Amino acid sequence: MSSELFGELSVIGMRGCEEFTKQVDRYLMEWRSSVHSFVVEADCPRFGSGEAKGALHQSMRGHDVFIVSDCFNYGVTYKMYERIVPMSPDDHFQDLKRIIAAIAGKARRISVIMPMLYEGRQHKRSSRESLDCALALQELVNMGVENIITFDAHDARVQNAIPLSGFENVRCTYQMIKALVKNVPGLSLNRNDIAVVSPDEGGMNRCIYYSSVLKLDLGMFYKRRNYSVIIDGKNPIEAHEYLGQSVEGKDIIVVDDMISSGGSIIEVAQKLKAKGANRIFVFATFGLFCNGLEIMDKAYEDGLIDKIFTTNLIYRPAELLERPWYCEVNMCKYVSLMIDTLNHDESISTILNPANRIHAFIDRKVAEGKVRM
C-alpha cells in the first residue's frame, strides 16, 4: 500500500455510532502504529424547541474526512419541549448535513459511510410520489460529499441520481459466511446438503452471488402483489410461490437485505418447511425488527428458523443480542480496511469482491475439519 495519504485522516461518528467508530479507530491505530486517535468529536446540540446546530471542535482544513451515520438508530433521543423524543431517520439525516455544513468546505475530501441508505426503500416512483433517496444523495453531493459508501442497498440503481460522484454498494458476503461457519458446527457446504433461497425476485442478485461463490443451487419465491390496493403504505401480496430445485432434506440459507417486521421471512420459512427443508438460516444485512422480537421468538420456538445473522452496521437493542437465535456479524474491521485504503488514495475494488477470500477461508476450514464439502 502506498505511503502517500490523500489527506490527514479524520473519522467522525454521528450520534449512535460512537461504539462502532471506536472499534474502527482501534483497527486504524493498530495498523498505523499510532498512539493518537483518528476520531474527531462532533456535536449536534439542540435547543428546547428541538432545533439543532452542528459543531466541530477542531479545524478540518485539508483533512480526508469520513463520516459514519446510522440513520436508523432509534435508541438515540433528544429533549423537545421537555419531552423525550427518539431520533427518526429524518433527524439523523439533518444532523449529518449539519456536520457537513460545520466543516464549511475546508476538508480536502468528505466521504459519508451510511450503512443503511437513508430512504433507500423509496428508490423509484410508482405514481405521484416523492423520490426521497435520489434527492438525499443529490443534497449530499451538492454539499461537497465526494464518496457515499453504503451496504446492500435496496436498489443500487438509485446511484443514477449522482452519476458523477462516488457511490459504493458494499456486500457482506464474506463476513456472513464466516459467521455461519463459526456458529454452526459441522456445517456441510455440499450442494446436496444446502441451498440458497431468495425471498423475492428483487433479492436475486445478492443470492446469485452466494450461490455462485459457494457453488450451491438457487431458489426463489415469487411475490404477486395487488397494485390496485395500498395497505400500510404497501401493495398487499396475493401469492407467494417457490421456484427452484427441491429443498427436501436440505439446510437453507435465506438471503435478504433487511428484516423489517419479519413477517415475510417467517412466511418463507413456513413454506420451505412444508416442502421438507431441514434447518433454515437467515442472512439479513440489517435487522430492524420494527414489530418487536416476539414474532421471531415464536418462529424459533416453533422450529421454523434456526439462526438469524445480521450485521452491527445499525443499532441493535440489548435484548436482541441476548436472543438464542441471533448471531451478530461484526463489520468494523471491513469498514476500517475501506477507510485505510481510500485514505491512501487506492482502489477498493479487490476489497469489494471477496470471492478469493471466501474460497481461501472455506478451503482452510475444510482442512481443519470444521466444514464438509
Protein backbone atom coordinates (compact mmCIF):
# COMPACT_ATOMS: atom_id res chain seq x y z
CA MET A 1 0.00 0.00 0.00
CA SER A 2 1.24 3.48 -0.85
CA SER A 3 2.68 5.56 1.99
CA GLU A 4 1.18 8.71 0.49
CA LEU A 5 -2.02 9.87 2.13
CA PHE A 6 -4.78 11.75 0.32
CA GLY A 7 -5.07 13.96 3.38
CA GLU A 8 -4.84 13.81 7.15
CA LEU A 9 -7.33 11.15 8.23
CA SER A 10 -10.29 12.13 10.38
CA VAL A 11 -13.23 9.89 11.30
CA ILE A 12 -16.47 11.36 12.64
CA GLY A 13 -19.08 9.14 14.25
CA MET A 14 -22.56 10.64 14.33
CA ARG A 15 -24.81 10.11 17.35
CA GLY A 16 -25.45 6.43 17.94
CA CYS A 17 -22.30 5.39 16.04
CA GLU A 18 -19.83 6.08 18.84
CA GLU A 19 -19.04 2.46 19.76
CA PHE A 20 -18.82 1.34 16.13
CA THR A 21 -16.49 4.26 15.34
CA LYS A 22 -14.28 3.42 18.34
CA GLN A 23 -13.80 -0.13 17.07
CA VAL A 24 -12.96 1.18 13.60
CA ASP A 25 -10.50 3.62 15.15
CA ARG A 26 -8.76 0.84 17.12
CA TYR A 27 -8.02 -1.05 13.90
CA LEU A 28 -6.71 2.09 12.19
CA MET A 29 -4.46 2.96 15.16
CA GLU A 30 -3.12 -0.60 15.27
CA TRP A 31 -2.38 -0.79 11.53
CA ARG A 32 -0.68 2.61 11.52
CA SER A 33 1.11 2.14 14.85
CA SER A 34 -0.44 5.39 16.02
CA VAL A 35 -0.89 6.45 19.62
CA HIS A 36 -3.32 9.15 18.55
CA SER A 37 -6.98 8.53 17.76
CA PHE A 38 -8.32 9.42 14.32
CA VAL A 39 -11.76 10.18 15.75
CA VAL A 40 -12.88 13.82 15.69
CA GLU A 41 -15.51 14.90 18.20
CA ALA A 42 -18.62 16.42 16.66
CA ASP A 43 -21.82 17.55 18.39
CA CYS A 44 -25.33 18.49 17.36
CA PRO A 45 -26.71 20.24 20.47
CA ARG A 46 -30.41 21.05 20.48
CA PHE A 47 -32.42 23.94 21.77
CA GLY A 48 -35.54 23.42 23.86
CA SER A 49 -37.70 23.75 20.74
CA GLY A 50 -35.96 20.77 19.11
CA GLU A 51 -33.89 22.87 16.71
CA ALA A 52 -30.22 21.98 16.47
CA LYS A 53 -26.83 23.03 15.15
CA GLY A 54 -23.67 21.17 14.13
CA ALA A 55 -20.42 21.89 15.96
CA LEU A 56 -16.83 20.70 15.46
CA HIS A 57 -14.05 21.14 18.00
CA GLN A 58 -11.15 21.39 15.56
CA SER A 59 -10.46 22.51 12.01
CA MET A 60 -10.88 20.03 9.16
CA ARG A 61 -8.81 22.09 6.71
CA GLY A 62 -7.03 19.73 4.31
CA HIS A 63 -8.33 16.60 6.05
CA ASP A 64 -9.69 13.44 4.43
CA VAL A 65 -12.91 13.14 6.42
CA PHE A 66 -15.04 10.00 6.79
CA ILE A 67 -18.43 10.48 8.49
CA VAL A 68 -20.23 7.39 9.81
CA SER A 69 -24.00 7.85 10.08
CA ASP A 70 -26.66 5.35 11.20
CA CYS A 71 -29.94 6.99 10.19
CA PHE A 72 -31.94 4.13 11.74
CA ASN A 73 -30.74 4.38 15.34
CA TYR A 74 -33.97 4.88 17.26
CA GLY A 75 -32.09 4.29 20.52
CA VAL A 76 -30.81 7.88 20.42
CA THR A 77 -33.10 10.53 21.91
CA TYR A 78 -33.27 14.27 22.44
CA LYS A 79 -35.43 16.60 24.51
CA MET A 80 -38.05 18.85 22.88
CA TYR A 81 -40.45 20.91 24.99
CA GLU A 82 -39.39 18.76 27.97
CA ARG A 83 -40.42 15.59 26.13
CA ILE A 84 -38.01 12.77 25.31
CA VAL A 85 -38.15 12.16 21.56
CA PRO A 86 -36.44 9.24 19.75
CA MET A 87 -34.43 10.35 16.74
CA SER A 88 -36.06 9.48 13.43
CA PRO A 89 -34.18 8.82 10.16
CA ASP A 90 -35.05 12.40 9.16
CA ASP A 91 -33.46 13.73 12.37
CA HIS A 92 -30.27 11.74 11.78
CA PHE A 93 -30.01 12.90 8.17
CA GLN A 94 -30.43 16.53 9.19
CA ASP A 95 -27.67 16.14 11.79
CA LEU A 96 -25.39 14.64 9.13
CA LYS A 97 -25.93 17.70 6.96
CA ARG A 98 -25.27 19.97 9.93
CA ILE A 99 -21.83 18.41 10.49
CA ILE A 100 -21.01 18.67 6.78
CA ALA A 101 -22.04 22.33 6.98
CA ALA A 102 -19.83 22.82 10.06
CA ILE A 103 -16.84 21.56 8.05
CA ALA A 104 -17.60 24.59 5.85
CA GLY A 105 -15.85 23.34 2.74
CA LYS A 106 -12.42 23.25 4.44
CA ALA A 107 -11.84 19.48 4.14
CA ARG A 108 -9.89 18.15 1.19
CA ARG A 109 -12.47 15.37 0.77
CA ILE A 110 -15.61 14.25 2.55
CA SER A 111 -16.86 10.67 2.38
CA VAL A 112 -20.08 9.52 4.04
CA ILE A 113 -20.41 5.95 5.28
CA MET A 114 -24.15 5.37 5.61
CA PRO A 115 -24.56 1.61 6.13
CA MET A 116 -28.32 1.54 5.55
CA LEU A 117 -29.17 4.08 2.90
CA TYR A 118 -31.48 6.85 4.06
CA GLU A 119 -34.88 6.45 2.32
CA GLY A 120 -33.35 3.56 0.33
CA ARG A 121 -36.71 1.81 0.02
CA GLN A 122 -38.18 4.87 -1.70
CA HIS A 123 -35.90 4.38 -4.71
CA LYS A 124 -38.42 4.56 -7.55
CA ARG A 125 -41.66 6.34 -8.35
CA SER A 126 -44.85 4.29 -8.71
CA SER A 127 -47.27 7.19 -9.17
CA ARG A 128 -47.33 10.74 -7.77
CA GLU A 129 -44.66 10.06 -5.14
CA SER A 130 -41.52 11.72 -3.88
CA LEU A 131 -38.12 10.27 -4.76
CA ASP A 132 -36.58 10.81 -1.35
CA CYS A 133 -33.42 8.71 -1.71
CA ALA A 134 -32.41 10.34 -5.00
CA LEU A 135 -32.98 13.80 -3.54
CA ALA A 136 -30.96 12.96 -0.41
CA LEU A 137 -27.99 11.75 -2.49
CA GLN A 138 -28.07 14.87 -4.61
CA GLU A 139 -28.27 17.03 -1.49
CA LEU A 140 -25.15 15.41 -0.02
CA VAL A 141 -23.21 15.79 -3.26
CA ASN A 142 -24.25 19.43 -3.57
CA MET A 143 -22.87 20.00 -0.06
CA GLY A 144 -19.45 18.70 -1.11
CA VAL A 145 -19.57 14.96 -0.37
CA GLU A 146 -17.40 13.09 -2.91
CA ASN A 147 -17.99 9.47 -1.89
CA ILE A 148 -21.01 7.70 -0.45
CA ILE A 149 -20.45 4.19 0.90
CA THR A 150 -23.48 2.09 1.74
CA PHE A 151 -24.16 -1.60 2.33
CA ASP A 152 -26.56 -3.85 0.47
CA ALA A 153 -28.68 -1.04 -0.96
CA HIS A 154 -32.30 -1.97 -1.55
CA ASP A 155 -31.78 -0.93 -5.17
CA ALA A 156 -28.30 0.33 -6.07
CA ARG A 157 -29.63 1.89 -9.28
CA VAL A 158 -30.57 4.91 -7.18
CA GLN A 159 -26.95 5.97 -7.69
CA ASN A 160 -28.04 7.14 -11.16
CA ALA A 161 -29.17 10.28 -9.35
CA ILE A 162 -25.49 11.21 -8.80
CA PRO A 163 -23.68 9.75 -11.86
CA LEU A 164 -20.55 11.89 -11.48
CA SER A 165 -19.93 11.10 -7.81
CA GLY A 166 -18.58 8.08 -5.97
CA PHE A 167 -21.17 5.56 -4.80
CA GLU A 168 -20.09 2.18 -3.42
CA ASN A 169 -22.64 -0.51 -2.65
CA VAL A 170 -20.83 -2.98 -0.38
CA ARG A 171 -21.96 -6.55 0.30
CA CYS A 172 -21.32 -8.53 3.47
CA THR A 173 -20.98 -11.94 1.81
CA TYR A 174 -17.58 -12.87 3.24
CA GLN A 175 -18.44 -11.84 6.79
CA MET A 176 -21.81 -13.65 6.68
CA ILE A 177 -20.20 -16.90 5.53
CA LYS A 178 -17.53 -16.65 8.23
CA ALA A 179 -20.22 -16.11 10.88
CA LEU A 180 -22.24 -19.09 9.61
CA VAL A 181 -19.24 -21.43 9.77
CA LYS A 182 -18.31 -20.14 13.24
CA ASN A 183 -21.82 -20.54 14.72
CA VAL A 184 -22.95 -23.78 13.05
CA PRO A 185 -20.55 -26.64 13.93
CA GLY A 186 -20.18 -29.44 11.38
CA LEU A 187 -21.78 -27.44 8.58
CA SER A 188 -21.90 -29.05 5.14
CA LEU A 189 -21.50 -26.78 2.12
CA ASN A 190 -22.09 -29.61 -0.32
CA ARG A 191 -24.79 -28.67 -2.85
CA ASN A 192 -26.69 -31.84 -1.93
CA ASP A 193 -26.97 -30.66 1.67
CA ILE A 194 -27.57 -26.90 1.48
CA ALA A 195 -29.11 -24.36 -0.90
CA VAL A 196 -29.60 -20.60 -1.22
CA VAL A 197 -33.10 -19.11 -1.48
CA SER A 198 -34.22 -15.56 -2.24
CA PRO A 199 -37.46 -14.46 -0.50
CA ASP A 200 -38.45 -12.42 -3.59
CA GLU A 201 -37.35 -11.60 -7.12
CA GLY A 202 -35.80 -8.29 -6.02
CA GLY A 203 -33.15 -10.07 -3.96
CA MET A 204 -31.95 -12.41 -6.70
CA ASN A 205 -28.72 -10.55 -7.44
CA ARG A 206 -27.33 -10.95 -3.93
CA CYS A 207 -28.44 -14.60 -3.84
CA ILE A 208 -26.84 -15.32 -7.22
CA TYR A 209 -23.52 -14.17 -5.78
CA TYR A 210 -23.82 -16.52 -2.79
CA SER A 211 -24.83 -19.47 -4.96
CA SER A 212 -22.05 -18.78 -7.47
CA VAL A 213 -19.23 -18.37 -4.97
CA LEU A 214 -20.36 -21.38 -2.90
CA LYS A 215 -21.46 -23.46 -5.95
CA LEU A 216 -24.92 -24.11 -4.46
CA ASP A 217 -28.37 -24.49 -6.00
CA LEU A 218 -30.53 -21.37 -6.04
CA GLY A 219 -34.28 -20.97 -5.49
CA MET A 220 -36.63 -18.00 -5.37
CA PHE A 221 -40.03 -17.02 -4.06
CA TYR A 222 -42.20 -15.03 -6.43
CA LYS A 223 -44.47 -12.40 -4.91
CA ARG A 224 -47.58 -11.40 -6.82
CA ARG A 225 -48.90 -8.12 -5.44
CA ASN A 226 -52.21 -6.33 -5.85
CA TYR A 227 -51.11 -2.93 -7.16
CA SER A 228 -54.66 -1.56 -7.07
CA VAL A 229 -54.68 -1.52 -3.25
CA ILE A 230 -52.37 0.10 -0.70
CA ILE A 231 -52.36 -1.10 2.92
CA ASP A 232 -49.95 0.45 5.45
CA GLY A 233 -48.09 2.05 2.57
CA LYS A 234 -47.56 -1.24 0.70
CA ASN A 235 -49.28 -3.25 -2.00
CA PRO A 236 -50.55 -6.48 -0.36
CA ILE A 237 -49.14 -9.83 -1.51
CA GLU A 238 -51.73 -12.13 -3.11
CA ALA A 239 -49.48 -15.10 -3.87
CA HIS A 240 -46.06 -16.25 -2.69
CA GLU A 241 -44.81 -19.21 -4.72
CA TYR A 242 -41.48 -21.09 -4.73
CA LEU A 243 -39.49 -21.56 -7.92
CA GLY A 244 -36.43 -23.82 -7.93
CA GLN A 245 -34.96 -27.23 -7.15
CA SER A 246 -36.32 -29.44 -4.37
CA VAL A 247 -35.32 -28.34 -0.87
CA GLU A 248 -36.31 -31.60 0.83
CA GLY A 249 -33.76 -32.61 3.47
CA LYS A 250 -31.53 -29.60 2.78
CA ASP A 251 -30.37 -26.77 5.00
CA ILE A 252 -31.43 -23.42 3.52
CA ILE A 253 -29.73 -20.03 3.53
CA VAL A 254 -32.36 -17.30 3.02
CA VAL A 255 -30.68 -14.05 1.97
CA ASP A 256 -32.29 -10.61 2.19
CA ASP A 257 -31.16 -7.03 2.60
CA MET A 258 -33.23 -6.38 5.71
CA ILE A 259 -35.73 -7.77 8.16
CA SER A 260 -38.43 -5.16 8.80
CA SER A 261 -41.36 -6.75 10.63
CA GLY A 262 -40.14 -10.31 9.99
CA GLY A 263 -43.47 -11.48 8.58
CA SER A 264 -42.24 -12.27 5.07
CA ILE A 265 -39.20 -14.19 6.36
CA ILE A 266 -41.42 -16.32 8.59
CA GLU A 267 -43.82 -16.98 5.70
CA VAL A 268 -40.87 -18.09 3.55
CA ALA A 269 -39.66 -20.37 6.36
CA GLN A 270 -43.12 -21.91 6.73
CA LYS A 271 -43.33 -22.68 3.02
CA LEU A 272 -39.80 -24.13 2.96
CA LYS A 273 -40.55 -26.35 5.97
CA ALA A 274 -43.73 -27.53 4.26
CA LYS A 275 -41.53 -28.62 1.34
CA GLY A 276 -39.29 -30.66 3.66
CA ALA A 277 -36.43 -28.24 4.30
CA ASN A 278 -34.11 -29.02 7.21
CA ARG A 279 -32.52 -26.10 9.09
CA ILE A 280 -33.14 -22.51 7.97
CA PHE A 281 -30.51 -19.81 8.36
CA VAL A 282 -31.34 -16.19 7.54
CA PHE A 283 -28.74 -13.69 6.29
CA ALA A 284 -30.02 -10.10 6.56
CA THR A 285 -27.61 -7.17 6.47
CA PHE A 286 -29.98 -5.04 8.56
CA GLY A 287 -32.20 -6.35 11.33
CA LEU A 288 -34.82 -3.69 12.07
CA PHE A 289 -37.43 -5.90 13.80
CA CYS A 290 -39.91 -2.99 13.68
CA ASN A 291 -42.73 -5.05 15.22
CA GLY A 292 -40.67 -6.36 18.12
CA LEU A 293 -38.77 -9.60 18.71
CA GLU A 294 -41.64 -11.78 19.93
CA ILE A 295 -42.65 -12.85 16.43
CA MET A 296 -39.12 -14.22 15.88
CA ASP A 297 -39.07 -15.84 19.31
CA LYS A 298 -42.18 -17.80 18.36
CA ALA A 299 -40.73 -18.77 14.96
CA TYR A 300 -37.63 -20.09 16.74
CA GLU A 301 -39.68 -21.98 19.32
CA ASP A 302 -41.80 -23.49 16.53
CA GLY A 303 -38.64 -24.72 14.78
CA LEU A 304 -39.14 -22.54 11.70
CA ILE A 305 -35.87 -20.61 11.95
CA ASP A 306 -32.57 -21.80 13.45
CA LYS A 307 -30.32 -18.74 13.22
CA ILE A 308 -30.63 -15.15 12.04
CA PHE A 309 -27.44 -13.32 11.09
CA THR A 310 -27.46 -9.51 10.91
CA THR A 311 -24.61 -7.00 10.99
CA ASN A 312 -23.64 -4.44 13.61
CA LEU A 313 -23.85 -1.69 10.99
CA ILE A 314 -27.04 -0.30 12.51
CA TYR A 315 -28.48 -0.10 16.01
CA ARG A 316 -29.28 -3.37 17.78
CA PRO A 317 -31.16 -3.20 21.09
CA ALA A 318 -29.61 -5.08 24.02
CA GLU A 319 -32.48 -7.59 24.15
CA LEU A 320 -31.78 -8.66 20.56
CA LEU A 321 -28.17 -9.57 21.40
CA GLU A 322 -29.43 -11.95 24.10
CA ARG A 323 -31.71 -13.98 21.81
CA PRO A 324 -30.57 -17.61 21.23
CA TRP A 325 -31.49 -17.40 17.55
CA TYR A 326 -29.46 -14.25 16.89
CA CYS A 327 -25.86 -14.04 15.63
CA GLU A 328 -24.12 -10.70 15.16
CA VAL A 329 -21.79 -10.16 12.20
CA ASN A 330 -19.12 -7.60 13.08
CA MET A 331 -18.26 -5.28 10.17
CA CYS A 332 -15.86 -2.89 11.93
CA LYS A 333 -12.65 -4.38 10.51
CA TYR A 334 -14.07 -4.31 6.97
CA VAL A 335 -15.05 -0.65 7.29
CA SER A 336 -11.60 0.15 8.72
CA LEU A 337 -9.97 -1.53 5.74
CA MET A 338 -12.01 0.54 3.28
CA ILE A 339 -11.21 3.78 5.11
CA ASP A 340 -7.49 2.95 5.28
CA THR A 341 -7.35 2.04 1.58
CA LEU A 342 -9.24 5.13 0.41
CA ASN A 343 -7.16 7.39 2.63
CA HIS A 344 -4.08 6.03 0.82
CA ASP A 345 -5.91 7.00 -2.40
CA GLU A 346 -6.02 3.43 -3.67
CA SER A 347 -8.81 1.40 -5.27
CA ILE A 348 -11.09 -0.70 -3.08
CA SER A 349 -12.19 -2.91 -6.00
CA THR A 350 -10.46 -6.02 -4.64
CA ILE A 351 -11.98 -5.39 -1.20
CA LEU A 352 -15.48 -5.18 -2.68
CA ASN A 353 -15.15 -8.55 -4.43
CA PRO A 354 -14.24 -11.11 -1.74
CA ALA A 355 -14.52 -14.27 -3.88
CA ASN A 356 -10.85 -15.24 -3.44
CA ARG A 357 -11.00 -14.64 0.32
CA ILE A 358 -14.17 -16.74 0.60
CA HIS A 359 -12.58 -19.66 -1.28
CA ALA A 360 -9.40 -19.46 0.81
CA PHE A 361 -11.43 -19.34 4.03
CA ILE A 362 -13.57 -22.35 3.08
CA ASP A 363 -10.51 -24.36 1.97
CA ARG A 364 -8.88 -23.61 5.32
CA LYS A 365 -11.97 -24.66 7.30
CA VAL A 366 -12.32 -27.86 5.26
CA ALA A 367 -8.68 -28.68 6.05
CA GLU A 368 -9.40 -28.03 9.74
CA GLY A 369 -12.40 -30.36 9.60
CA LYS A 370 -14.87 -27.61 10.54
CA VAL A 371 -16.70 -27.65 7.20
CA ARG A 372 -17.72 -30.56 4.99
CA MET A 373 -17.84 -30.31 1.21
